[in-house]
Amino acid sequence: MSDNHVDPSGNTEAFRAFTRTTPDSEASSKVPFYVIGGVAAIIVLGLLAWLIL
């Protein structure tokens, strides 16, 4: 049975490729989450104000 899992520490080139990170793929923007959260908060506050009045 062959082992499909390759150990990145097996050689230097594979280890360097394994540890190399690209900032674009890891750093996703959180702005859409803040916008959606703000809109949801405004809607909830509006509904609460409407129910109180």
PDB file of N, CA and C in Angstrom:
ATOM      1  N   MET A   1       0.857  -1.171   0.000  1.00  0.00           N
ATOM      2  CA  MET A   1       0.000   0.000   0.000  1.00  0.00           C
ATOM      3  C   MET A   1       0.907   1.239   0.000  1.00  0.00           C
ATOM      4  N   SER A   2       0.649   2.136  -0.916  1.00  0.00           N
ATOM      5  CA  SER A   2       1.482   3.331  -0.997  1.00  0.00           C
ATOM      6  C   SER A   2       0.982   4.395  -0.025  1.00  0.00           C
ATOM      7  N   ASP A   3       1.918   5.206   0.449  1.00  0.00           N
ATOM      8  CA  ASP A   3       1.590   6.289   1.377  1.00  0.00           C
ATOM      9  C   ASP A   3       1.415   7.571   0.581  1.00  0.00           C
ATOM     10  N   ASN A   4       0.187   8.105   0.513  1.00  0.00           N
ATOM     11  CA  ASN A   4      -0.084   9.311  -0.266  1.00  0.00           C
ATOM     12  C   ASN A   4       0.291  10.586   0.476  1.00  0.00           C
ATOM     13  N   HIS A   5       0.530  10.488   1.765  1.00  0.00           N
ATOM     14  CA  HIS A   5       0.910  11.652   2.558  1.00  0.00           C
ATOM     15  C   HIS A   5       2.408  11.892   2.415  1.00  0.00           C
ATOM     16  N   VAL A   6       2.767  13.049   1.905  1.00  0.00           N
ATOM     17  CA  VAL A   6       4.176  13.383   1.727  1.00  0.00           C
ATOM     18  C   VAL A   6       4.613  14.269   2.881  1.00  0.00           C
ATOM     19  N   ASP A   7       5.668  13.862   3.540  1.00  0.00           N
ATOM     20  CA  ASP A   7       6.204  14.628   4.660  1.00  0.00           C
ATOM     21  C   ASP A   7       7.008  15.806   4.115  1.00  0.00           C
ATOM     22  N   PRO A   8       6.577  17.069   4.387  1.00  0.00           N
ATOM     23  CA  PRO A   8       7.303  18.217   3.842  1.00  0.00           C
ATOM     24  C   PRO A   8       8.702  18.372   4.411  1.00  0.00           C
ATOM     25  N   SER A   9       8.998  17.717   5.503  1.00  0.00           N
ATOM     26  CA  SER A   9      10.346  17.821   6.046  1.00  0.00           C
ATOM     27  C   SER A   9      11.281  16.795   5.419  1.00  0.00           C
ATOM     28  N   GLY A  10      10.812  16.087   4.419  1.00  0.00           N
ATOM     29  CA  GLY A  10      11.623  15.064   3.765  1.00  0.00           C
ATOM     30  C   GLY A  10      12.830  15.632   3.054  1.00  0.00           C
ATOM     31  N   ASN A  11      12.693  16.778   2.441  1.00  0.00           N
ATOM     32  CA  ASN A  11      13.852  17.439   1.844  1.00  0.00           C
ATOM     33  C   ASN A  11      13.682  18.946   1.992  1.00  0.00           C
ATOM     34  N   THR A  12      14.742  19.674   1.753  1.00  0.00           N
ATOM     35  CA  THR A  12      14.744  21.117   2.000  1.00  0.00           C
ATOM     36  C   THR A  12      13.793  21.855   1.071  1.00  0.00           C
ATOM     37  N   GLU A  13      13.752  21.452  -0.201  1.00  0.00           N
ATOM     38  CA  GLU A  13      12.902  22.145  -1.168  1.00  0.00           C
ATOM     39  C   GLU A  13      11.422  21.981  -0.819  1.00  0.00           C
ATOM     40  N   ALA A  14      11.016  20.787  -0.444  1.00  0.00           N
ATOM     41  CA  ALA A  14       9.618  20.556  -0.078  1.00  0.00           C
ATOM     42  C   ALA A  14       9.268  21.295   1.209  1.00  0.00           C
ATOM     43  N   PHE A  15      10.210  21.353   2.140  1.00  0.00           N
ATOM     44  CA  PHE A  15       9.946  22.058   3.394  1.00  0.00           C
ATOM     45  C   PHE A  15       9.804  23.559   3.152  1.00  0.00           C
ATOM     46  N   ARG A  16      10.656  24.135   2.311  1.00  0.00           N
ATOM     47  CA  ARG A  16      10.553  25.564   2.003  1.00  0.00           C
ATOM     48  C   ARG A  16       9.242  25.874   1.299  1.00  0.00           C
ATOM     49  N   ALA A  17       8.812  25.003   0.386  1.00  0.00           N
ATOM     50  CA  ALA A  17       7.532  25.201  -0.289  1.00  0.00           C
ATOM     51  C   ALA A  17       6.376  25.077   0.692  1.00  0.00           C
ATOM     52  N   PHE A  18       6.510  24.193   1.673  1.00  0.00           N
ATOM     53  CA  PHE A  18       5.462  23.990   2.665  1.00  0.00           C
ATOM     54  C   PHE A  18       5.329  25.198   3.590  1.00  0.00           C
ATOM     55  N   THR A  19       6.461  25.792   3.965  1.00  0.00           N
ATOM     56  CA  THR A  19       6.421  26.906   4.900  1.00  0.00           C
ATOM     57  C   THR A  19       6.207  28.251   4.234  1.00  0.00           C
ATOM     58  N   ARG A  20       6.348  28.327   2.934  1.00  0.00           N
ATOM     59  CA  ARG A  20       6.150  29.591   2.223  1.00  0.00           C
ATOM     60  C   ARG A  20       4.661  29.944   2.223  1.00  0.00           C
ATOM     61  N   THR A  21       4.360  31.147   2.641  1.00  0.00           N
ATOM     62  CA  THR A  21       2.965  31.592   2.674  1.00  0.00           C
ATOM     63  C   THR A  21       2.818  32.824   1.795  1.00  0.00           C
ATOM     64  N   THR A  22       1.655  32.951   1.215  1.00  0.00           N
ATOM     65  CA  THR A  22       1.356  34.136   0.426  1.00  0.00           C
ATOM     66  C   THR A  22       0.369  34.980   1.215  1.00  0.00           C
ATOM     67  N   PRO A  23       0.651  36.255   1.430  1.00  0.00           N
ATOM     68  CA  PRO A  23      -0.233  37.085   2.241  1.00  0.00           C
ATOM     69  C   PRO A  23      -1.610  37.276   1.619  1.00  0.00           C
ATOM     70  N   ASP A  24      -1.721  37.203   0.295  1.00  0.00           N
ATOM     71  CA  ASP A  24      -3.017  37.417  -0.347  1.00  0.00           C
ATOM     72  C   ASP A  24      -3.987  36.277  -0.058  1.00  0.00           C
ATOM     73  N   SER A  25      -3.486  35.049   0.011  1.00  0.00           N
ATOM     74  CA  SER A  25      -4.388  33.927   0.231  1.00  0.00           C
ATOM     75  C   SER A  25      -4.822  33.819   1.691  1.00  0.00           C
ATOM     76  N   GLU A  26      -3.989  34.271   2.613  1.00  0.00           N
ATOM     77  CA  GLU A  26      -4.327  34.143   4.028  1.00  0.00           C
ATOM     78  C   GLU A  26      -5.112  35.326   4.564  1.00  0.00           C
ATOM     79  N   ALA A  27      -4.793  36.522   4.120  1.00  0.00           N
ATOM     80  CA  ALA A  27      -5.400  37.733   4.665  1.00  0.00           C
ATOM     81  C   ALA A  27      -6.648  38.081   3.865  1.00  0.00           C
ATOM     82  N   SER A  28      -7.781  37.641   4.350  1.00  0.00           N
ATOM     83  CA  SER A  28      -9.031  38.011   3.697  1.00  0.00           C
ATOM     84  C   SER A  28      -9.590  39.251   4.385  1.00  0.00           C
ATOM     85  N   SER A  29     -10.297  40.028   3.628  1.00  0.00           N
ATOM     86  CA  SER A  29     -10.831  41.280   4.144  1.00  0.00           C
ATOM     87  C   SER A  29     -12.015  41.011   5.058  1.00  0.00           C
ATOM     88  N   LYS A  30     -12.049  41.709   6.178  1.00  0.00           N
ATOM     89  CA  LYS A  30     -13.152  41.555   7.130  1.00  0.00           C
ATOM     90  C   LYS A  30     -14.181  42.661   6.978  1.00  0.00           C
ATOM     91  N   VAL A  31     -13.992  43.537   6.002  1.00  0.00           N
ATOM     92  CA  VAL A  31     -14.912  44.653   5.804  1.00  0.00           C
ATOM     93  C   VAL A  31     -16.333  44.174   5.523  1.00  0.00           C
ATOM     94  N   PRO A  32     -16.552  43.171   4.664  1.00  0.00           N
ATOM     95  CA  PRO A  32     -17.939  42.728   4.435  1.00  0.00           C
ATOM     96  C   PRO A  32     -18.630  42.247   5.706  1.00  0.00           C
ATOM     97  N   PHE A  33     -17.885  41.608   6.599  1.00  0.00           N
ATOM     98  CA  PHE A  33     -18.484  41.152   7.857  1.00  0.00           C
ATOM     99  C   PHE A  33     -18.901  42.333   8.726  1.00  0.00           C
ATOM    100  N   TYR A  34     -18.077  43.372   8.747  1.00  0.00           N
ATOM    101  CA  TYR A  34     -18.417  44.559   9.526  1.00  0.00           C
ATOM    102  C   TYR A  34     -19.631  45.269   8.930  1.00  0.00           C
ATOM    103  N   VAL A  35     -19.702  45.347   7.622  1.00  0.00           N
ATOM    104  CA  VAL A  35     -20.844  46.009   6.970  1.00  0.00           C
ATOM    105  C   VAL A  35     -22.130  45.235   7.238  1.00  0.00           C
ATOM    106  N   ILE A  36     -22.085  43.925   7.070  1.00  0.00           N
ATOM    107  CA  ILE A  36     -23.277  43.105   7.311  1.00  0.00           C
ATOM    108  C   ILE A  36     -23.681  43.168   8.782  1.00  0.00           C
ATOM    109  N   GLY A  37     -22.695  43.137   9.685  1.00  0.00           N
ATOM    110  CA  GLY A  37     -23.000  43.236  11.111  1.00  0.00           C
ATOM    111  C   GLY A  37     -23.607  44.581  11.467  1.00  0.00           C
ATOM    112  N   GLY A  38     -23.108  45.660  10.853  1.00  0.00           N
ATOM    113  CA  GLY A  38     -23.662  46.990  11.100  1.00  0.00           C
ATOM    114  C   GLY A  38     -25.088  47.116  10.604  1.00  0.00           C
ATOM    115  N   VAL A  39     -25.341  46.603   9.410  1.00  0.00           N
ATOM    116  CA  VAL A  39     -26.698  46.656   8.861  1.00  0.00           C
ATOM    117  C   VAL A  39     -27.648  45.828   9.719  1.00  0.00           C
ATOM    118  N   ALA A  40     -27.201  44.660  10.155  1.00  0.00           N
ATOM    119  CA  ALA A  40     -28.045  43.824  11.013  1.00  0.00           C
ATOM    120  C   ALA A  40     -28.332  44.508  12.341  1.00  0.00           C
ATOM    121  N   ALA A  41     -27.327  45.182  12.913  1.00  0.00           N
ATOM    122  CA  ALA A  41     -27.528  45.886  14.175  1.00  0.00           C
ATOM    123  C   ALA A  41     -28.521  47.030  14.006  1.00  0.00           C
ATOM    124  N   ILE A  42     -28.430  47.759  12.904  1.00  0.00           N
ATOM    125  CA  ILE A  42     -29.368  48.857  12.654  1.00  0.00           C
ATOM    126  C   ILE A  42     -30.787  48.326  12.494  1.00  0.00           C
ATOM    127  N   ILE A  43     -30.926  47.208  11.802  1.00  0.00           N
ATOM    128  CA  ILE A  43     -32.257  46.621  11.613  1.00  0.00           C
ATOM    129  C   ILE A  43     -32.832  46.160  12.955  1.00  0.00           C
ATOM    130  N   VAL A  44     -32.023  45.516  13.781  1.00  0.00           N
ATOM    131  CA  VAL A  44     -32.507  45.045  15.078  1.00  0.00           C
ATOM    132  C   VAL A  44     -32.878  46.214  15.968  1.00  0.00           C
ATOM    133  N   LEU A  45     -32.035  47.247  15.994  1.00  0.00           N
ATOM    134  CA  LEU A  45     -32.367  48.432  16.800  1.00  0.00           C
ATOM    135  C   LEU A  45     -33.634  49.122  16.285  1.00  0.00           C
ATOM    136  N   GLY A  46     -33.799  49.168  14.986  1.00  0.00           N
ATOM    137  CA  GLY A  46     -35.016  49.751  14.416  1.00  0.00           C
ATOM    138  C   GLY A  46     -36.262  48.957  14.796  1.00  0.00           C
ATOM    139  N   LEU A  47     -36.154  47.637  14.749  1.00  0.00           N
ATOM    140  CA  LEU A  47     -37.305  46.808  15.139  1.00  0.00           C
ATOM    141  C   LEU A  47     -37.611  46.951  16.619  1.00  0.00           C
ATOM    142  N   LEU A  48     -36.581  47.019  17.436  1.00  0.00           N
ATOM    143  CA  LEU A  48     -36.821  47.212  18.873  1.00  0.00           C
ATOM    144  C   LEU A  48     -37.480  48.574  19.143  1.00  0.00           C
ATOM    145  N   ALA A  49     -36.999  49.611  18.466  1.00  0.00           N
ATOM    146  CA  ALA A  49     -37.600  50.932  18.651  1.00  0.00           C
ATOM    147  C   ALA A  49     -39.059  50.944  18.178  1.00  0.00           C
ATOM    148  N   TRP A  50     -39.350  50.261  17.101  1.00  0.00           N
ATOM    149  CA  TRP A  50     -40.717  50.199  16.580  1.00  0.00           C
ATOM    150  C   TRP A  50     -41.623  49.437  17.536  1.00  0.00           C
ATOM    151  N   LEU A  51     -41.101  48.371  18.151  1.00  0.00           N
ATOM    152  CA  LEU A  51     -41.916  47.601  19.090  1.00  0.00           C
ATOM    153  C   LEU A  51     -42.162  48.385  20.379  1.00  0.00           C
ATOM    154  N   ILE A  52     -41.206  49.175  20.811  1.00  0.00           N
ATOM    155  CA  ILE A  52     -41.362  49.965  22.037  1.00  0.00           C
ATOM    156  C   ILE A  52     -42.386  51.072  21.845  1.00  0.00           C
ATOM    157  N   LEU A  53     -42.399  51.694  20.682  1.00  0.00           N
ATOM    158  CA  LEU A  53     -43.335  52.773  20.416  1.00  0.00           C
ATOM    159  C   LEU A  53     -44.660  52.231  20.116  1.00  0.00           C
TER     160      LEU A  53
END
